[in-house]
């Protein structure tokens, strides 16, 4: 399995930058950061017209955390600058399948 080195995030916004949303692109993950940067202008051309203002950024993927990332955190500033990063939520879940059923009448 090939590792993901970069993710291309494309955001479309209204003219006032007040309403923004992620835009779907045909390919959003890349084996190298260089491939992501090279593809970025072509992707921007493909999504042209889907929003008044479109910004895109290549996000580096840490190979050690590749399977742990579960959030893309982003914000588009009023000047059109895109701040974005990959994140891991702090939610931790545990399960024990060997747990006996509780007997509520005799529980101490």
Protein backbone atom coordinates (compact mmCIF):
# COMPACT_ATOMS: atom_id res chain seq x y z
CA UNK A 1 0.00 0.00 0.00
CA UNK A 2 1.32 3.39 -0.99
CA UNK A 3 1.60 6.00 1.73
CA UNK A 4 -0.09 9.37 1.48
CA UNK A 5 2.35 12.28 1.78
CA UNK A 6 0.01 15.18 1.02
CA UNK A 7 -3.66 16.03 0.88
CA UNK A 8 -5.06 18.77 -1.36
CA UNK A 9 -7.76 20.78 0.37
CA UNK A 10 -9.90 22.99 -1.88
CA UNK A 11 -12.30 25.53 -0.36
CA UNK A 12 -14.89 27.61 -2.20
CA UNK A 13 -16.23 30.83 -0.66
CA UNK A 14 -18.77 33.51 -1.38
CA UNK A 15 -17.56 36.87 -2.63
CA UNK A 16 -17.63 38.25 0.92
CA UNK A 17 -15.73 35.21 2.27
CA UNK A 18 -18.56 34.73 4.81
CA UNK A 19 -19.81 31.38 3.49
CA UNK A 20 -17.17 28.75 2.69
CA UNK A 21 -17.30 25.01 2.02
CA UNK A 22 -15.02 22.20 0.95
CA UNK A 23 -15.13 21.47 -2.77
CA UNK A 24 -14.89 17.91 -4.07
CA UNK A 25 -11.98 17.23 -6.42
CA UNK A 26 -11.21 14.10 -8.48
CA UNK A 27 -7.87 13.42 -6.74
CA UNK A 28 -7.12 14.81 -3.30
CA UNK A 29 -4.31 12.58 -1.97
CA UNK A 30 -0.77 12.32 -3.29
CA UNK A 31 2.32 10.17 -2.75
CA UNK A 32 4.53 13.27 -2.49
CA UNK A 33 4.16 16.93 -1.59
CA UNK A 34 5.69 17.84 -4.95
CA UNK A 35 2.92 15.97 -6.81
CA UNK A 36 0.30 17.83 -4.79
CA UNK A 37 1.85 21.23 -5.52
CA UNK A 38 2.19 20.38 -9.23
CA UNK A 39 -1.47 19.28 -9.47
CA UNK A 40 -2.88 22.25 -7.54
CA UNK A 41 -3.20 24.71 -10.49
CA UNK A 42 -4.96 22.07 -12.62
CA UNK A 43 -7.42 21.29 -9.84
CA UNK A 44 -8.13 24.99 -9.36
CA UNK A 45 -8.92 25.17 -13.08
CA UNK A 46 -11.31 22.23 -12.81
CA UNK A 47 -13.33 23.76 -9.94
CA UNK A 48 -13.40 27.28 -11.39
CA UNK A 49 -16.94 28.62 -11.33
CA UNK A 50 -18.10 26.47 -8.40
CA UNK A 51 -17.63 29.42 -6.03
CA UNK A 52 -16.85 33.13 -6.19
CA UNK A 53 -13.49 32.71 -4.48
CA UNK A 54 -11.52 29.43 -4.44
CA UNK A 55 -8.43 28.66 -2.37
CA UNK A 56 -6.41 25.47 -2.13
CA UNK A 57 -3.61 24.19 0.04
CA UNK A 58 -1.48 21.05 0.14
CA UNK A 59 -1.36 19.63 3.65
CA UNK A 60 1.55 17.45 4.71
CA UNK A 61 0.61 14.00 6.03
CA UNK A 62 2.83 12.50 8.72
CA UNK A 63 3.24 8.83 7.70
CA UNK A 64 3.33 7.75 11.35
CA UNK A 65 -0.09 9.34 11.91
CA UNK A 66 -1.67 8.64 8.51
CA UNK A 67 -4.29 6.25 9.90
CA UNK A 68 -5.00 8.39 12.96
CA UNK A 69 -5.99 11.66 11.26
CA UNK A 70 -9.74 12.09 11.43
CA UNK A 71 -10.24 15.84 11.02
CA UNK A 72 -9.33 18.59 8.62
CA UNK A 73 -9.41 21.86 10.50
CA UNK A 74 -9.60 24.93 8.27
CA UNK A 75 -10.43 28.61 8.28
CA UNK A 76 -10.49 31.14 5.46
CA UNK A 77 -9.56 34.62 6.63
CA UNK A 78 -11.24 37.75 5.32
CA UNK A 79 -8.17 38.42 3.14
CA UNK A 80 -8.62 35.02 1.43
CA UNK A 81 -5.78 33.26 3.23
CA UNK A 82 -6.47 29.60 3.97
CA UNK A 83 -5.26 28.22 7.30
CA UNK A 84 -5.59 24.44 7.42
CA UNK A 85 -4.18 21.38 9.13
CA UNK A 86 -4.85 17.71 9.69
CA UNK A 87 -5.79 16.78 13.24
CA UNK A 88 -6.52 13.85 15.47
CA UNK A 89 -9.56 14.14 17.70
CA UNK A 90 -9.00 13.71 21.40
CA UNK A 91 -11.93 11.31 21.79
CA UNK A 92 -10.81 7.99 23.22
CA UNK A 93 -13.11 4.99 23.26
CA UNK A 94 -12.58 1.75 25.12
CA UNK A 95 -14.45 -1.52 24.98
CA UNK A 96 -14.31 -4.77 26.91
CA UNK A 97 -16.12 -7.63 25.23
CA UNK A 98 -15.33 -10.06 28.10
CA UNK A 99 -17.39 -8.06 30.60
CA UNK A 100 -20.00 -10.22 32.36
CA UNK A 101 -23.59 -9.08 32.39
CA UNK A 102 -24.57 -7.16 35.50
CA UNK A 103 -27.10 -8.61 37.88
CA UNK A 104 -28.69 -5.44 39.22
CA UNK A 105 -30.59 -7.27 41.95
CA UNK A 106 -27.45 -8.73 43.53
CA UNK A 107 -24.86 -6.09 42.65
CA UNK A 108 -22.83 -4.81 45.60
